[in-house]
């Protein structure tokens, strides 16, 4: 009986390993460089397609960097407005309104 349970446990572990291996071979499940490399290698792309993929990935990375930089700039700007509102003891909206008035003059 004990051997039977051990055998069932071993079979269940192998099944789980096969399931995990099957589901970790797609790009959505890739969480590190090695998993990504394994997935890309499984695509069996020729050099031309790999170069196109590289170009596309580089473009996406640059886009993400640009968006992140924009978000950081906006957050910095908002923080400066908040600090001004505290410094002059007025609301955030009032600071923005004053800035709009200054822009118009």
N, C-alpha and C. Protein backbone atom coordinates (compact mmCIF):
# COMPACT_ATOMS: atom_id res chain seq x y z
N UNK A 1 0.82 -1.19 0.00
CA UNK A 1 0.00 0.00 0.00
C UNK A 1 0.87 1.26 0.00
N UNK A 2 1.94 1.25 0.79
CA UNK A 2 2.83 2.40 0.87
C UNK A 2 3.54 2.63 -0.46
N UNK A 3 3.96 1.54 -1.11
CA UNK A 3 4.62 1.66 -2.42
C UNK A 3 3.65 2.21 -3.46
N UNK A 4 2.40 1.81 -3.35
CA UNK A 4 1.37 2.27 -4.28
C UNK A 4 1.17 3.78 -4.15
N UNK A 5 1.18 4.29 -2.91
CA UNK A 5 1.02 5.73 -2.69
C UNK A 5 2.24 6.49 -3.20
N UNK A 6 3.42 5.92 -3.00
CA UNK A 6 4.64 6.56 -3.49
C UNK A 6 4.63 6.62 -5.01
N UNK A 7 4.17 5.53 -5.65
CA UNK A 7 4.09 5.49 -7.11
C UNK A 7 3.09 6.53 -7.61
N UNK A 8 1.94 6.62 -6.96
CA UNK A 8 0.95 7.61 -7.35
C UNK A 8 1.49 9.03 -7.16
N UNK A 9 2.21 9.25 -6.08
CA UNK A 9 2.80 10.55 -5.81
C UNK A 9 3.83 10.91 -6.87
N UNK A 10 4.65 9.93 -7.25
CA UNK A 10 5.67 10.16 -8.28
C UNK A 10 5.01 10.46 -9.62
N UNK A 11 3.97 9.75 -9.96
CA UNK A 11 3.26 9.97 -11.22
C UNK A 11 2.61 11.36 -11.22
N UNK A 12 2.02 11.74 -10.09
CA UNK A 12 1.39 13.06 -9.99
C UNK A 12 2.44 14.15 -10.15
N UNK A 13 3.62 13.95 -9.56
CA UNK A 13 4.70 14.94 -9.69
C UNK A 13 5.16 15.05 -11.13
N UNK A 14 5.28 13.94 -11.82
CA UNK A 14 5.68 13.96 -13.23
C UNK A 14 4.62 14.65 -14.08
N UNK A 15 3.36 14.37 -13.80
CA UNK A 15 2.27 15.03 -14.53
C UNK A 15 2.32 16.54 -14.31
N UNK A 16 2.54 16.94 -13.06
CA UNK A 16 2.61 18.37 -12.75
C UNK A 16 3.80 18.99 -13.47
N UNK A 17 4.94 18.30 -13.49
CA UNK A 17 6.13 18.81 -14.17
C UNK A 17 5.85 18.98 -15.66
N UNK A 18 5.20 17.99 -16.27
CA UNK A 18 4.85 18.08 -17.69
C UNK A 18 3.90 19.23 -17.96
N UNK A 19 2.93 19.43 -17.07
CA UNK A 19 2.00 20.55 -17.21
C UNK A 19 2.73 21.88 -17.10
N UNK A 20 3.58 21.99 -16.07
CA UNK A 20 4.34 23.23 -15.88
C UNK A 20 5.26 23.50 -17.06
N UNK A 21 5.92 22.46 -17.55
CA UNK A 21 6.84 22.63 -18.67
C UNK A 21 6.09 23.06 -19.93
N UNK A 22 4.93 22.46 -20.16
CA UNK A 22 4.11 22.80 -21.32
C UNK A 22 3.66 24.26 -21.25
N UNK A 23 3.22 24.70 -20.07
CA UNK A 23 2.68 26.05 -19.93
C UNK A 23 3.75 27.11 -19.74
N UNK A 24 4.96 26.70 -19.42
CA UNK A 24 6.01 27.70 -19.26
C UNK A 24 6.80 27.90 -20.55
N UNK A 25 6.41 27.18 -21.60
CA UNK A 25 7.14 27.32 -22.86
C UNK A 25 6.53 28.38 -23.76
N UNK A 26 5.44 29.01 -23.34
CA UNK A 26 4.89 30.09 -24.16
C UNK A 26 5.35 31.44 -23.62
N UNK A 27 5.28 32.42 -24.46
CA UNK A 27 5.84 33.74 -24.15
C UNK A 27 5.13 34.40 -22.97
N UNK A 28 3.84 34.21 -22.83
CA UNK A 28 3.11 34.83 -21.73
C UNK A 28 3.61 34.38 -20.37
N UNK A 29 4.13 33.16 -20.30
CA UNK A 29 4.60 32.62 -19.03
C UNK A 29 6.08 32.92 -18.78
N UNK A 30 6.79 33.44 -19.78
CA UNK A 30 8.23 33.71 -19.64
C UNK A 30 8.43 34.88 -18.69
N UNK A 31 9.23 34.64 -17.65
CA UNK A 31 9.48 35.66 -16.64
C UNK A 31 10.95 36.04 -16.53
N UNK A 32 11.80 35.32 -17.24
CA UNK A 32 13.23 35.66 -17.18
C UNK A 32 13.85 35.46 -18.56
N UNK A 33 15.10 35.85 -18.65
CA UNK A 33 15.80 35.84 -19.95
C UNK A 33 15.86 34.43 -20.53
N UNK A 34 16.18 33.45 -19.70
CA UNK A 34 16.32 32.09 -20.21
C UNK A 34 15.00 31.56 -20.77
N UNK A 35 13.90 31.82 -20.09
CA UNK A 35 12.60 31.38 -20.59
C UNK A 35 12.27 32.07 -21.91
N UNK A 36 12.59 33.36 -22.01
CA UNK A 36 12.34 34.08 -23.27
C UNK A 36 13.21 33.51 -24.39
N UNK A 37 14.47 33.25 -24.07
CA UNK A 37 15.36 32.67 -25.09
C UNK A 37 14.84 31.31 -25.55
N UNK A 38 14.39 30.49 -24.60
CA UNK A 38 13.86 29.17 -24.96
C UNK A 38 12.64 29.32 -25.87
N UNK A 39 11.76 30.25 -25.55
CA UNK A 39 10.58 30.45 -26.37
C UNK A 39 10.96 30.92 -27.78
N UNK A 40 11.81 31.93 -27.84
CA UNK A 40 12.21 32.47 -29.15
C UNK A 40 12.92 31.39 -29.97
N UNK A 41 13.76 30.60 -29.30
CA UNK A 41 14.45 29.52 -30.00
C UNK A 41 13.45 28.49 -30.53
N UNK A 42 12.36 28.26 -29.78
CA UNK A 42 11.36 27.29 -30.22
C UNK A 42 10.62 27.76 -31.47
N UNK A 43 10.65 29.08 -31.74
CA UNK A 43 9.99 29.61 -32.94
C UNK A 43 10.73 29.23 -34.21
N UNK A 44 12.00 28.91 -34.06
CA UNK A 44 12.84 28.48 -35.18
C UNK A 44 12.86 29.53 -36.30
N UNK A 45 13.08 30.78 -35.91
CA UNK A 45 13.16 31.88 -36.88
C UNK A 45 14.52 31.87 -37.57
N UNK A 46 14.51 32.29 -38.84
CA UNK A 46 15.78 32.49 -39.53
C UNK A 46 16.33 33.86 -39.14
N UNK A 47 17.53 34.17 -39.59
CA UNK A 47 18.19 35.41 -39.20
C UNK A 47 17.35 36.64 -39.56
N UNK A 48 16.77 36.64 -40.75
CA UNK A 48 15.99 37.79 -41.20
C UNK A 48 14.82 38.06 -40.26
N UNK A 49 14.10 37.02 -39.88
CA UNK A 49 12.95 37.19 -38.99
C UNK A 49 13.41 37.58 -37.58
N UNK A 50 14.55 37.06 -37.14
CA UNK A 50 15.09 37.45 -35.84
C UNK A 50 15.46 38.94 -35.83
N UNK A 51 16.01 39.42 -36.93
CA UNK A 51 16.37 40.83 -37.02
C UNK A 51 15.13 41.72 -37.00
N UNK A 52 14.08 41.28 -37.67
CA UNK A 52 12.81 42.02 -37.65
C UNK A 52 12.24 42.02 -36.23
N UNK A 53 12.31 40.87 -35.57
CA UNK A 53 11.84 40.77 -34.18
C UNK A 53 12.65 41.71 -33.28
N UNK A 54 13.96 41.74 -33.48
CA UNK A 54 14.82 42.61 -32.69
C UNK A 54 14.45 44.07 -32.90
N UNK A 55 14.21 44.45 -34.13
CA UNK A 55 13.83 45.82 -34.44
C UNK A 55 12.50 46.18 -33.77
N UNK A 56 11.55 45.26 -33.83
CA UNK A 56 10.24 45.50 -33.23
C UNK A 56 10.36 45.62 -31.71
N UNK A 57 11.14 44.75 -31.10
CA UNK A 57 11.32 44.80 -29.65
C UNK A 57 12.02 46.10 -29.25
N UNK A 58 13.04 46.49 -30.00
CA UNK A 58 13.74 47.74 -29.71
C UNK A 58 12.80 48.94 -29.77
N UNK A 59 11.92 48.93 -30.77
CA UNK A 59 10.95 50.02 -30.92
C UNK A 59 9.99 50.06 -29.72
N UNK A 60 9.52 48.88 -29.31
CA UNK A 60 8.62 48.82 -28.15
C UNK A 60 9.33 49.29 -26.88
N UNK A 61 10.58 48.90 -26.71
CA UNK A 61 11.34 49.30 -25.52
C UNK A 61 11.52 50.81 -25.50
N UNK A 62 11.86 51.39 -26.63
CA UNK A 62 12.04 52.85 -26.70
C UNK A 62 10.73 53.57 -26.40
N UNK A 63 9.63 53.04 -26.91
CA UNK A 63 8.31 53.61 -26.64
C UNK A 63 7.99 53.59 -25.14
N UNK A 64 8.25 52.45 -24.52
CA UNK A 64 8.00 52.31 -23.08
C UNK A 64 8.88 53.26 -22.28
N UNK A 65 10.13 53.41 -22.67
CA UNK A 65 11.04 54.34 -21.98
C UNK A 65 10.53 55.77 -22.11
N UNK A 66 10.07 56.14 -23.29
CA UNK A 66 9.55 57.48 -23.52
C UNK A 66 8.31 57.73 -22.67
N UNK A 67 7.40 56.76 -22.62
CA UNK A 67 6.19 56.91 -21.81
C UNK A 67 6.53 57.02 -20.33
N UNK A 68 7.48 56.23 -19.88
CA UNK A 68 7.89 56.28 -18.48
C UNK A 68 8.50 57.64 -18.15
N UNK A 69 9.31 58.15 -19.05
CA UNK A 69 9.91 59.46 -18.85
C UNK A 69 8.83 60.55 -18.79
N UNK A 70 7.83 60.45 -19.65
CA UNK A 70 6.71 61.41 -19.63
C UNK A 70 5.98 61.35 -18.30
N UNK A 71 5.70 60.15 -17.83
CA UNK A 71 4.99 59.99 -16.56
C UNK A 71 5.80 60.57 -15.41
N UNK A 72 7.10 60.35 -15.42
CA UNK A 72 7.96 60.91 -14.37
C UNK A 72 7.95 62.42 -14.41
N UNK A 73 7.99 63.00 -15.61
CA UNK A 73 7.96 64.46 -15.74
C UNK A 73 6.64 65.03 -15.23
N UNK A 74 5.55 64.38 -15.56
CA UNK A 74 4.23 64.83 -15.10
C UNK A 74 4.15 64.75 -13.58
N UNK A 75 4.65 63.65 -13.03
CA UNK A 75 4.61 63.50 -11.57
C UNK A 75 5.46 64.57 -10.89
N UNK A 76 6.63 64.86 -11.46
CA UNK A 76 7.50 65.91 -10.91
C UNK A 76 6.79 67.25 -10.95
N UNK A 77 6.14 67.55 -12.06
CA UNK A 77 5.41 68.81 -12.23
C UNK A 77 4.28 68.92 -11.20
N UNK A 78 3.53 67.82 -11.02
CA UNK A 78 2.44 67.83 -10.04
C UNK A 78 2.98 68.05 -8.63
N UNK A 79 4.12 67.41 -8.33
CA UNK A 79 4.73 67.59 -7.02
C UNK A 79 5.13 69.04 -6.79
N UNK A 80 5.66 69.68 -7.82
CA UNK A 80 6.03 71.10 -7.69
C UNK A 80 4.80 71.97 -7.43
N UNK A 81 3.71 71.67 -8.08
CA UNK A 81 2.48 72.43 -7.86
C UNK A 81 1.97 72.21 -6.43
N UNK A 82 2.04 70.96 -5.97
CA UNK A 82 1.62 70.66 -4.59
C UNK A 82 2.48 71.44 -3.59
N UNK A 83 3.78 71.47 -3.84
CA UNK A 83 4.68 72.21 -2.94
C UNK A 83 4.38 73.71 -2.95
N UNK A 84 4.05 74.25 -4.12
CA UNK A 84 3.67 75.66 -4.20
C UNK A 84 2.39 75.94 -3.41
N UNK A 85 1.43 75.04 -3.54
CA UNK A 85 0.16 75.22 -2.83
C UNK A 85 0.39 75.20 -1.32
N UNK A 86 1.28 74.35 -0.86
CA UNK A 86 1.59 74.31 0.57
C UNK A 86 2.36 75.57 1.01
N UNK A 87 3.29 75.98 0.16
CA UNK A 87 4.12 77.14 0.49
C UNK A 87 3.26 78.40 0.66
N UNK A 88 2.29 78.57 -0.23
CA UNK A 88 1.46 79.77 -0.19
C UNK A 88 0.10 79.53 0.48
N UNK A 89 -0.07 78.33 1.00
CA UNK A 89 -1.28 77.97 1.74
C UNK A 89 -2.55 78.20 0.91
N UNK A 90 -2.51 77.74 -0.32
CA UNK A 90 -3.69 77.80 -1.20
C UNK A 90 -3.89 76.42 -1.81
N UNK A 91 -5.04 76.21 -2.41
CA UNK A 91 -5.34 74.88 -2.94
C UNK A 91 -4.59 74.62 -4.26
N UNK A 92 -4.51 73.37 -4.58
CA UNK A 92 -3.87 72.92 -5.82
C UNK A 92 -4.54 73.60 -7.02
N UNK A 93 -5.86 73.59 -7.02
CA UNK A 93 -6.62 74.18 -8.13
C UNK A 93 -6.36 75.68 -8.27
N UNK A 94 -6.19 76.33 -7.14
CA UNK A 94 -5.90 77.76 -7.20
C UNK A 94 -4.53 78.02 -7.82
N UNK A 95 -3.57 77.19 -7.49
CA UNK A 95 -2.23 77.33 -8.09
C UNK A 95 -2.33 77.13 -9.60
N UNK A 96 -3.07 76.14 -10.01
CA UNK A 96 -3.23 75.87 -11.45
C UNK A 96 -3.93 77.05 -12.12
N UNK A 97 -4.93 77.59 -11.46
CA UNK A 97 -5.66 78.73 -12.02
C UNK A 97 -4.74 79.95 -12.16
N UNK A 98 -3.90 80.21 -11.17
CA UNK A 98 -2.95 81.32 -11.24
C UNK A 98 -1.95 81.10 -12.38
N UNK A 99 -1.53 79.86 -12.53
CA UNK A 99 -0.59 79.56 -13.61
C UNK A 99 -1.24 79.81 -14.97
N UNK A 100 -2.50 79.44 -15.11
CA UNK A 100 -3.22 79.71 -16.36
C UNK A 100 -3.33 81.21 -16.63
N UNK A 101 -3.62 81.96 -15.58
CA UNK A 101 -3.72 83.41 -15.75
C UNK A 101 -2.39 84.00 -16.16
N UNK A 102 -1.32 83.53 -15.58
CA UNK A 102 0.02 84.03 -15.92
C UNK A 102 0.38 83.69 -17.38
N UNK A 103 -0.07 82.53 -17.80
CA UNK A 103 0.20 82.10 -19.18
C UNK A 103 -0.51 83.00 -20.17
N UNK A 104 -1.71 83.44 -19.83
CA UNK A 104 -2.51 84.28 -20.72
C UNK A 104 -2.01 85.73 -20.79
N UNK A 105 -1.25 86.15 -19.81
CA UNK A 105 -0.77 87.55 -19.83
C UNK A 105 0.61 87.67 -20.40
